[in-house]
Amino acid sequence: MASKEGSRTPPRSRREPGGRAPRQDKYSVLLPTYNERENLPLIVWLLVKSFSESGINYEIIIIDDGSPDGTRDVAEQLEKIYGSDKILLRPREKKLGLGTAYIHGMKHATGNYIIIMDADLSHHPKFIPEFIRKQKEGNFDIVSGTRYKGNGGVYGWDLKRKLISRGANFVTQILLRPGASDLTGSFRLYRKEVLQKLIEKCVSKGYVFQMEMIVRARQLNYTIGEVCN
């Protein structure tokens, strides 16, 4: 007589249609760059270190917008060092806006999750495993880094930039009540299909773009988790 344990069917959540094993999640980092020649090697090294130590499947897509300082040359060298399966240079001829940079990067992304972040070292890759844990725990559509809760903060910013960010967040919280504490931050984890949908809906350019993304996410009933960074 077979044991109950041996005849138990694996939970549906761990199986795909047809009995296939679920594919491993893959995380595509979209890294827009402009004049980041000095920062790029370090941010890429930190990303590779964080992903490798955590056993996370990843790729880093560098979207350089015609940097005159040689950022593209550095990216080409990084592609050779780490391999073109992990570092993908997908340059553009000139600066065309952050939203279009994400659209361009997603065309080449093979991950089912997208991480967006800045290349200027204002976002530390050590927080990425925490973003991923948070997403899994709450099954969130978006996980946003926040500088305005817990131990979050901003580094390397002058007083003017800090005041603009604080002020924009304060006004938007009062007027729109978006349910997220940091609307101007650009360190986020998205389900790929969610990011695609949001970018299709967004009309803003520049600094306001990140704020509109969160506001529209709430309008579309996407769930948002937060991680202090």
C-alpha atoms as a PDB file:
ATOM      1  CA  MET A   1       0.000   0.000   0.000  1.00  0.00           C
ATOM      2  CA  ALA A   2       1.493   3.320  -1.093  1.00  0.00           C
ATOM      3  CA  SER A   3       2.000   5.941   1.576  1.00  0.00           C
ATOM      4  CA  LYS A   4      -0.029   9.122   1.524  1.00  0.00           C
ATOM      5  CA  GLU A   5       3.187  11.124   1.316  1.00  0.00           C
ATOM      6  CA  GLY A   6       4.347   9.290  -1.764  1.00  0.00           C
ATOM      7  CA  SER A   7       1.038   9.704  -3.597  1.00  0.00           C
ATOM      8  CA  ARG A   8       0.495  13.359  -2.707  1.00  0.00           C
ATOM      9  CA  THR A   9       0.220  15.699  -5.673  1.00  0.00           C
ATOM     10  CA  PRO A  10       2.480  18.749  -5.468  1.00  0.00           C
ATOM     11  CA  PRO A  11       0.626  22.000  -4.783  1.00  0.00           C
ATOM     12  CA  ARG A  12      -0.688  23.736  -7.889  1.00  0.00           C
ATOM     13  CA  SER A  13       1.275  26.865  -7.058  1.00  0.00           C
ATOM     14  CA  ARG A  14       4.503  24.961  -7.594  1.00  0.00           C
ATOM     15  CA  ARG A  15       3.534  23.399 -10.902  1.00  0.00           C
ATOM     16  CA  GLU A  16       3.000  24.799 -14.350  1.00  0.00           C
ATOM     17  CA  PRO A  17       0.395  23.552 -16.874  1.00  0.00           C
ATOM     18  CA  GLY A  18       1.239  20.119 -18.194  1.00  0.00           C
ATOM     19  CA  GLY A  19       3.191  19.190 -15.074  1.00  0.00           C
ATOM     20  CA  ARG A  20       6.301  21.134 -16.088  1.00  0.00           C
ATOM     21  CA  ALA A  21       8.591  22.443 -13.358  1.00  0.00           C
ATOM     22  CA  PRO A  22       8.200  26.220 -12.803  1.00  0.00           C
ATOM     23  CA  ARG A  23      10.825  28.351 -14.461  1.00  0.00           C
ATOM     24  CA  GLN A  24      13.231  30.243 -12.267  1.00  0.00           C
ATOM     25  CA  ASP A  25      12.495  33.921 -11.877  1.00  0.00           C
ATOM     26  CA  LYS A  26      14.904  36.161 -13.735  1.00  0.00           C
ATOM     27  CA  TYR A  27      15.600  39.798 -12.909  1.00  0.00           C
ATOM     28  CA  SER A  28      16.526  42.287 -15.621  1.00  0.00           C
ATOM     29  CA  VAL A  29      18.183  45.465 -14.348  1.00  0.00           C
ATOM     30  CA  LEU A  30      17.581  48.494 -16.574  1.00  0.00           C
ATOM     31  CA  LEU A  31      20.496  50.873 -16.077  1.00  0.00           C
ATOM     32  CA  PRO A  32      20.140  54.126 -18.052  1.00  0.00           C
ATOM     33  CA  THR A  33      23.458  55.980 -18.221  1.00  0.00           C
ATOM     34  CA  TYR A  34      24.694  59.395 -19.270  1.00  0.00           C
ATOM     35  CA  ASN A  35      28.253  60.400 -18.387  1.00  0.00           C
ATOM     36  CA  GLU A  36      28.693  57.577 -15.853  1.00  0.00           C
ATOM     37  CA  ARG A  37      32.155  56.457 -16.975  1.00  0.00           C
ATOM     38  CA  GLU A  38      33.599  56.484 -13.455  1.00  0.00           C
ATOM     39  CA  ASN A  39      30.548  55.074 -11.661  1.00  0.00           C
ATOM     40  CA  LEU A  40      29.597  52.312 -14.086  1.00  0.00           C
ATOM     41  CA  PRO A  41      32.341  49.753 -13.252  1.00  0.00           C
ATOM     42  CA  LEU A  42      31.577  50.015  -9.525  1.00  0.00           C
ATOM     43  CA  ILE A  43      27.786  49.817  -9.784  1.00  0.00           C
ATOM     44  CA  VAL A  44      28.056  46.814 -12.124  1.00  0.00           C
ATOM     45  CA  TRP A  45      30.530  45.086  -9.783  1.00  0.00           C
ATOM     46  CA  LEU A  46      28.192  45.668  -6.830  1.00  0.00           C
ATOM     47  CA  LEU A  47      25.219  44.343  -8.811  1.00  0.00           C
ATOM     48  CA  VAL A  48      27.063  41.200  -9.911  1.00  0.00           C
ATOM     49  CA  LYS A  49      28.299  40.617  -6.352  1.00  0.00           C
ATOM     50  CA  SER A  50      24.826  40.988  -4.850  1.00  0.00           C
ATOM     51  CA  PHE A  51      23.131  38.733  -7.397  1.00  0.00           C
ATOM     52  CA  SER A  52      25.865  36.089  -7.340  1.00  0.00           C
ATOM     53  CA  GLU A  53      26.010  35.851  -3.552  1.00  0.00           C
ATOM     54  CA  SER A  54      22.210  35.535  -3.393  1.00  0.00           C
ATOM     55  CA  GLY A  55      21.987  32.947  -6.194  1.00  0.00           C
ATOM     56  CA  ILE A  56      19.627  35.174  -8.204  1.00  0.00           C
ATOM     57  CA  ASN A  57      19.288  34.780 -11.979  1.00  0.00           C
ATOM     58  CA  TYR A  58      19.929  38.169 -13.561  1.00  0.00           C
ATOM     59  CA  GLU A  59      21.001  40.321 -16.478  1.00  0.00           C
ATOM     60  CA  ILE A  60      22.073  43.979 -16.536  1.00  0.00           C
ATOM     61  CA  ILE A  61      20.961  46.059 -19.504  1.00  0.00           C
ATOM     62  CA  ILE A  62      22.973  49.259 -19.934  1.00  0.00           C
ATOM     63  CA  ILE A  63      21.132  51.914 -21.930  1.00  0.00           C
ATOM     64  CA  ASP A  64      23.693  54.607 -22.694  1.00  0.00           C
ATOM     65  CA  ASP A  65      22.328  57.751 -24.297  1.00  0.00           C
ATOM     66  CA  GLY A  66      25.329  58.865 -26.309  1.00  0.00           C
ATOM     67  CA  SER A  67      27.508  59.862 -23.343  1.00  0.00           C
ATOM     68  CA  PRO A  68      30.397  62.051 -24.508  1.00  0.00           C
ATOM     69  CA  ASP A  69      32.654  60.942 -21.623  1.00  0.00           C
ATOM     70  CA  GLY A  70      33.296  57.403 -22.908  1.00  0.00           C
ATOM     71  CA  THR A  71      30.667  55.563 -20.843  1.00  0.00           C
ATOM     72  CA  ARG A  72      29.870  53.371 -23.834  1.00  0.00           C
ATOM     73  CA  ASP A  73      33.522  52.251 -24.132  1.00  0.00           C
ATOM     74  CA  VAL A  74      33.512  51.269 -20.453  1.00  0.00           C
ATOM     75  CA  ALA A  75      30.246  49.359 -20.918  1.00  0.00           C
ATOM     76  CA  GLU A  76      31.760  47.439 -23.825  1.00  0.00           C
ATOM     77  CA  GLN A  77      34.678  46.397 -21.626  1.00  0.00           C
ATOM     78  CA  LEU A  78      32.313  45.286 -18.853  1.00  0.00           C
ATOM     79  CA  GLU A  79      30.395  43.218 -21.394  1.00  0.00           C
ATOM     80  CA  LYS A  80      33.642  41.396 -22.246  1.00  0.00           C
ATOM     81  CA  ILE A  81      34.619  40.916 -18.592  1.00  0.00           C
ATOM     82  CA  TYR A  82      31.312  39.547 -17.283  1.00  0.00           C
ATOM     83  CA  GLY A  83      29.941  38.037 -20.484  1.00  0.00           C
ATOM     84  CA  SER A  84      27.305  39.247 -22.936  1.00  0.00           C
ATOM     85  CA  ASP A  85      24.715  36.989 -21.291  1.00  0.00           C
ATOM     86  CA  LYS A  86      24.969  39.042 -18.081  1.00  0.00           C
ATOM     87  CA  ILE A  87      25.880  42.522 -19.333  1.00  0.00           C
ATOM     88  CA  LEU A  88      23.932  43.747 -22.355  1.00  0.00           C
ATOM     89  CA  LEU A  89      24.898  47.110 -23.830  1.00  0.00           C
ATOM     90  CA  ARG A  90      21.952  48.562 -25.737  1.00  0.00           C
ATOM     91  CA  PRO A  91      22.969  52.174 -26.518  1.00  0.00           C
ATOM     92  CA  ARG A  92      21.063  55.038 -28.122  1.00  0.00           C
ATOM     93  CA  GLU A  93      22.439  57.974 -30.067  1.00  0.00           C
ATOM     94  CA  LYS A  94      21.274  60.724 -27.693  1.00  0.00           C
ATOM     95  CA  LYS A  95      19.219  61.513 -24.588  1.00  0.00           C
ATOM     96  CA  LEU A  96      15.572  60.766 -25.328  1.00  0.00           C
ATOM     97  CA  GLY A  97      14.030  60.666 -21.868  1.00  0.00           C
ATOM     98  CA  LEU A  98      13.847  58.187 -19.012  1.00  0.00           C
ATOM     99  CA  GLY A  99      10.567  56.608 -20.055  1.00  0.00           C
ATOM    100  CA  THR A 100      11.809  55.830 -23.542  1.00  0.00           C
ATOM    101  CA  ALA A 101      15.025  54.428 -22.042  1.00  0.00           C
ATOM    102  CA  TYR A 102      12.941  51.910 -20.091  1.00  0.00           C
ATOM    103  CA  ILE A 103      10.922  51.033 -23.191  1.00  0.00           C
ATOM    104  CA  HIS A 104      14.154  50.506 -25.126  1.00  0.00           C
ATOM    105  CA  GLY A 105      15.625  48.367 -22.362  1.00  0.00           C
ATOM    106  CA  MET A 106      12.518  46.207 -21.980  1.00  0.00           C
ATOM    107  CA  LYS A 107      12.660  45.269 -25.660  1.00  0.00           C
ATOM    108  CA  HIS A 108      15.854  43.398 -24.826  1.00  0.00           C
ATOM    109  CA  ALA A 109      14.942  42.139 -21.336  1.00  0.00           C
ATOM    110  CA  THR A 110      14.435  38.399 -20.934  1.00  0.00           C
ATOM    111  CA  GLY A 111      13.540  38.509 -17.219  1.00  0.00           C
ATOM    112  CA  ASN A 112      10.007  38.282 -15.867  1.00  0.00           C
ATOM    113  CA  TYR A 113      10.861  40.973 -13.312  1.00  0.00           C
ATOM    114  CA  ILE A 114      12.407  44.376 -14.020  1.00  0.00           C
ATOM    115  CA  ILE A 115      14.573  46.374 -11.624  1.00  0.00           C
ATOM    116  CA  ILE A 116      15.106  50.054 -12.353  1.00  0.00           C
ATOM    117  CA  MET A 117      17.800  52.072 -10.641  1.00  0.00           C
ATOM    118  CA  ASP A 118      20.275  54.901 -11.184  1.00  0.00           C
ATOM    119  CA  ALA A 119      23.905  54.317 -12.113  1.00  0.00           C
ATOM    120  CA  ASP A 120      25.242  57.212 -10.019  1.00  0.00           C
ATOM    121  CA  LEU A 121      25.684  55.076  -6.878  1.00  0.00           C
ATOM    122  CA  SER A 122      22.726  56.706  -5.111  1.00  0.00           C
ATOM    123  CA  HIS A 123      21.105  53.239  -5.036  1.00  0.00           C
ATOM    124  CA  HIS A 124      23.032  50.376  -3.426  1.00  0.00           C
ATOM    125  CA  PRO A 125      22.494  46.914  -4.975  1.00  0.00           C
ATOM    126  CA  LYS A 126      22.770  45.299  -1.528  1.00  0.00           C
ATOM    127  CA  PHE A 127      19.077  46.106  -1.037  1.00  0.00           C
ATOM    128  CA  ILE A 128      17.926  44.130  -4.102  1.00  0.00           C
ATOM    129  CA  PRO A 129      17.578  40.755  -2.307  1.00  0.00           C
ATOM    130  CA  GLU A 130      15.355  42.555   0.227  1.00  0.00           C
ATOM    131  CA  PHE A 131      13.227  43.944  -2.626  1.00  0.00           C
ATOM    132  CA  ILE A 132      12.822  40.412  -3.960  1.00  0.00           C
ATOM    133  CA  ARG A 133      11.928  38.969  -0.539  1.00  0.00           C
ATOM    134  CA  LYS A 134       9.366  41.710  -0.028  1.00  0.00           C
ATOM    135  CA  GLN A 135       7.781  41.012  -3.416  1.00  0.00           C
ATOM    136  CA  LYS A 136       7.513  37.291  -2.710  1.00  0.00           C
ATOM    137  CA  GLU A 137       6.102  37.787   0.792  1.00  0.00           C
ATOM    138  CA  GLY A 138       3.293  40.064  -0.351  1.00  0.00           C
ATOM    139  CA  ASN A 139       3.019  38.966  -4.003  1.00  0.00           C
ATOM    140  CA  PHE A 140       3.333  42.664  -4.889  1.00  0.00           C
ATOM    141  CA  ASP A 141       3.191  44.023  -8.424  1.00  0.00           C
ATOM    142  CA  ILE A 142       5.708  46.728  -7.503  1.00  0.00           C
ATOM    143  CA  VAL A 143       8.259  47.107  -4.718  1.00  0.00           C
ATOM    144  CA  SER A 144       9.554  50.644  -4.314  1.00  0.00           C
ATOM    145  CA  GLY A 145      12.579  51.796  -2.396  1.00  0.00           C
ATOM    146  CA  THR A 146      11.718  54.546   0.066  1.00  0.00           C
ATOM    147  CA  ARG A 147      13.981  57.194   1.563  1.00  0.00           C
ATOM    148  CA  TYR A 148      11.262  58.597   3.786  1.00  0.00           C
ATOM    149  CA  LYS A 149      10.423  55.728   6.133  1.00  0.00           C
ATOM    150  CA  GLY A 150      12.431  53.844   8.752  1.00  0.00           C
ATOM    151  CA  ASN A 151      16.161  54.054   8.080  1.00  0.00           C
ATOM    152  CA  GLY A 152      15.790  55.258   4.491  1.00  0.00           C
ATOM    153  CA  GLY A 153      17.783  58.264   3.340  1.00  0.00           C
ATOM    154  CA  VAL A 154      19.479  59.997   0.457  1.00  0.00           C
ATOM    155  CA  TYR A 155      23.233  60.171  -0.048  1.00  0.00           C
ATOM    156  CA  GLY A 156      25.290  62.506  -2.193  1.00  0.00           C
ATOM    157  CA  TRP A 157      22.453  64.989  -2.726  1.00  0.00           C
ATOM    158  CA  ASP A 158      22.785  68.710  -2.110  1.00  0.00           C
ATOM    159  CA  LEU A 159      20.228  70.574   0.035  1.00  0.00           C
ATOM    160  CA  LYS A 160      18.327  71.934  -2.971  1.00  0.00           C
ATOM    161  CA  ARG A 161      17.751  68.482  -4.462  1.00  0.00           C
ATOM    162  CA  LYS A 162      16.635  67.098  -1.100  1.00  0.00           C
ATOM    163  CA  LEU A 163      14.157  69.954  -0.609  1.00  0.00           C
ATOM    164  CA  ILE A 164      12.670  69.531  -4.089  1.00  0.00           C
ATOM    165  CA  SER A 165      12.203  65.800  -3.536  1.00  0.00           C
ATOM    166  CA  ARG A 166      10.683  66.261  -0.078  1.00  0.00           C
ATOM    167  CA  GLY A 167       8.399  69.019  -1.309  1.00  0.00           C
ATOM    168  CA  ALA A 168       7.164  67.058  -4.314  1.00  0.00           C
ATOM    169  CA  ASN A 169       6.402  64.046  -2.143  1.00  0.00           C
ATOM    170  CA  PHE A 170       4.613  66.153   0.463  1.00  0.00           C
ATOM    171  CA  VAL A 171       2.328  67.934  -2.024  1.00  0.00           C
ATOM    172  CA  THR A 172       1.507  64.730  -3.901  1.00  0.00           C
ATOM    173  CA  GLN A 173       0.682  62.873  -0.679  1.00  0.00           C
ATOM    174  CA  ILE A 174      -1.845  65.548   0.260  1.00  0.00           C
ATOM    175  CA  LEU A 175      -3.458  65.922  -3.173  1.00  0.00           C
ATOM    176  CA  LEU A 176      -3.449  62.353  -4.499  1.00  0.00           C
ATOM    177  CA  ARG A 177      -3.001  60.035  -1.498  1.00  0.00           C
ATOM    178  CA  PRO A 178      -1.108  57.454  -3.571  1.00  0.00           C
ATOM    179  CA  GLY A 179      -0.428  55.049  -0.695  1.00  0.00           C
ATOM    180  CA  ALA A 180       3.357  55.103  -1.156  1.00  0.00           C
ATOM    181  CA  SER A 181       5.803  57.222   0.834  1.00  0.00           C
ATOM    182  CA  ASP A 182       8.426  57.909  -1.853  1.00  0.00           C
ATOM    183  CA  LEU A 183       7.069  58.933  -5.243  1.00  0.00           C
ATOM    184  CA  THR A 184      10.163  60.472  -6.792  1.00  0.00           C
ATOM    185  CA  GLY A 185      12.538  57.557  -6.152  1.00  0.00           C
ATOM    186  CA  SER A 186      13.834  55.555  -9.090  1.00  0.00           C
ATOM    187  CA  PHE A 187      14.875  52.349  -7.292  1.00  0.00           C
ATOM    188  CA  ARG A 188      12.040  49.887  -7.923  1.00  0.00           C
ATOM    189  CA  LEU A 189      11.159  46.299  -8.755  1.00  0.00           C
ATOM    190  CA  TYR A 190       8.298  45.638 -11.165  1.00  0.00           C
ATOM    191  CA  ARG A 191       6.600  42.663 -12.683  1.00  0.00           C
ATOM    192  CA  LYS A 192       7.585  43.083 -16.318  1.00  0.00           C
ATOM    193  CA  GLU A 193       4.021  43.212 -17.640  1.00  0.00           C
ATOM    194  CA  VAL A 194       3.088  45.807 -15.003  1.00  0.00           C
ATOM    195  CA  LEU A 195       5.940  48.122 -15.994  1.00  0.00           C
ATOM    196  CA  GLN A 196       4.995  47.781 -19.645  1.00  0.00           C
ATOM    197  CA  LYS A 197       1.401  48.737 -18.891  1.00  0.00           C
ATOM    198  CA  LEU A 198       2.370  51.723 -16.743  1.00  0.00           C
ATOM    199  CA  ILE A 199       4.775  53.132 -19.319  1.00  0.00           C
ATOM    200  CA  GLU A 200       2.054  52.892 -21.958  1.00  0.00           C
ATOM    201  CA  LYS A 201      -0.204  55.002 -19.717  1.00  0.00           C
ATOM    202  CA  CYS A 202       2.332  57.599 -18.569  1.00  0.00           C
ATOM    203  CA  VAL A 203       2.643  60.930 -20.353  1.00  0.00           C
ATOM    204  CA  SER A 204       5.122  62.766 -18.088  1.00  0.00           C
ATOM    205  CA  LYS A 205       8.776  63.372 -18.873  1.00  0.00           C
ATOM    206  CA  GLY A 206      11.782  63.895 -16.659  1.00  0.00           C
ATOM    207  CA  TYR A 207      11.502  64.242 -12.884  1.00  0.00           C
ATOM    208  CA  VAL A 208       7.708  63.858 -12.684  1.00  0.00           C
ATOM    209  CA  PHE A 209       7.765  60.545 -14.548  1.00  0.00           C
ATOM    210  CA  GLN A 210       8.477  58.433 -11.459  1.00  0.00           C
ATOM    211  CA  MET A 211       5.659  60.122  -9.546  1.00  0.00           C
ATOM    212  CA  GLU A 212       3.146  59.459 -12.302  1.00  0.00           C
ATOM    213  CA  MET A 213       4.158  55.788 -12.406  1.00  0.00           C
ATOM    214  CA  ILE A 214       3.101  55.271  -8.773  1.00  0.00           C
ATOM    215  CA  VAL A 215      -0.078  57.327  -9.067  1.00  0.00           C
ATOM    216  CA  ARG A 216      -1.175  55.389 -12.152  1.00  0.00           C
ATOM    217  CA  ALA A 217      -0.273  52.107 -10.456  1.00  0.00           C
ATOM    218  CA  ARG A 218      -2.789  52.943  -7.722  1.00  0.00           C
ATOM    219  CA  GLN A 219      -5.406  53.910 -10.316  1.00  0.00           C
ATOM    220  CA  LEU A 220      -4.943  50.517 -11.978  1.00  0.00           C
ATOM    221  CA  ASN A 221      -5.145  48.730  -8.606  1.00  0.00           C
ATOM    222  CA  TYR A 222      -1.608  47.383  -8.720  1.00  0.00           C
ATOM    223  CA  THR A 223      -0.205  46.450  -5.308  1.00  0.00           C
ATOM    224  CA  ILE A 224       2.852  48.267  -3.969  1.00  0.00           C
ATOM    225  CA  GLY A 225       5.292  47.195  -1.276  1.00  0.00           C
ATOM    226  CA  GLU A 226       8.089  49.341   0.161  1.00  0.00           C
ATOM    227  CA  VAL A 227      11.659  48.725   1.303  1.00  0.00           C
ATOM    228  CA  CYS A 228      13.745  51.293   3.154  1.00  0.00           C
ATOM    229  CA  ASN A 229      16.984  51.995   1.321  1.00  0.00           C
END
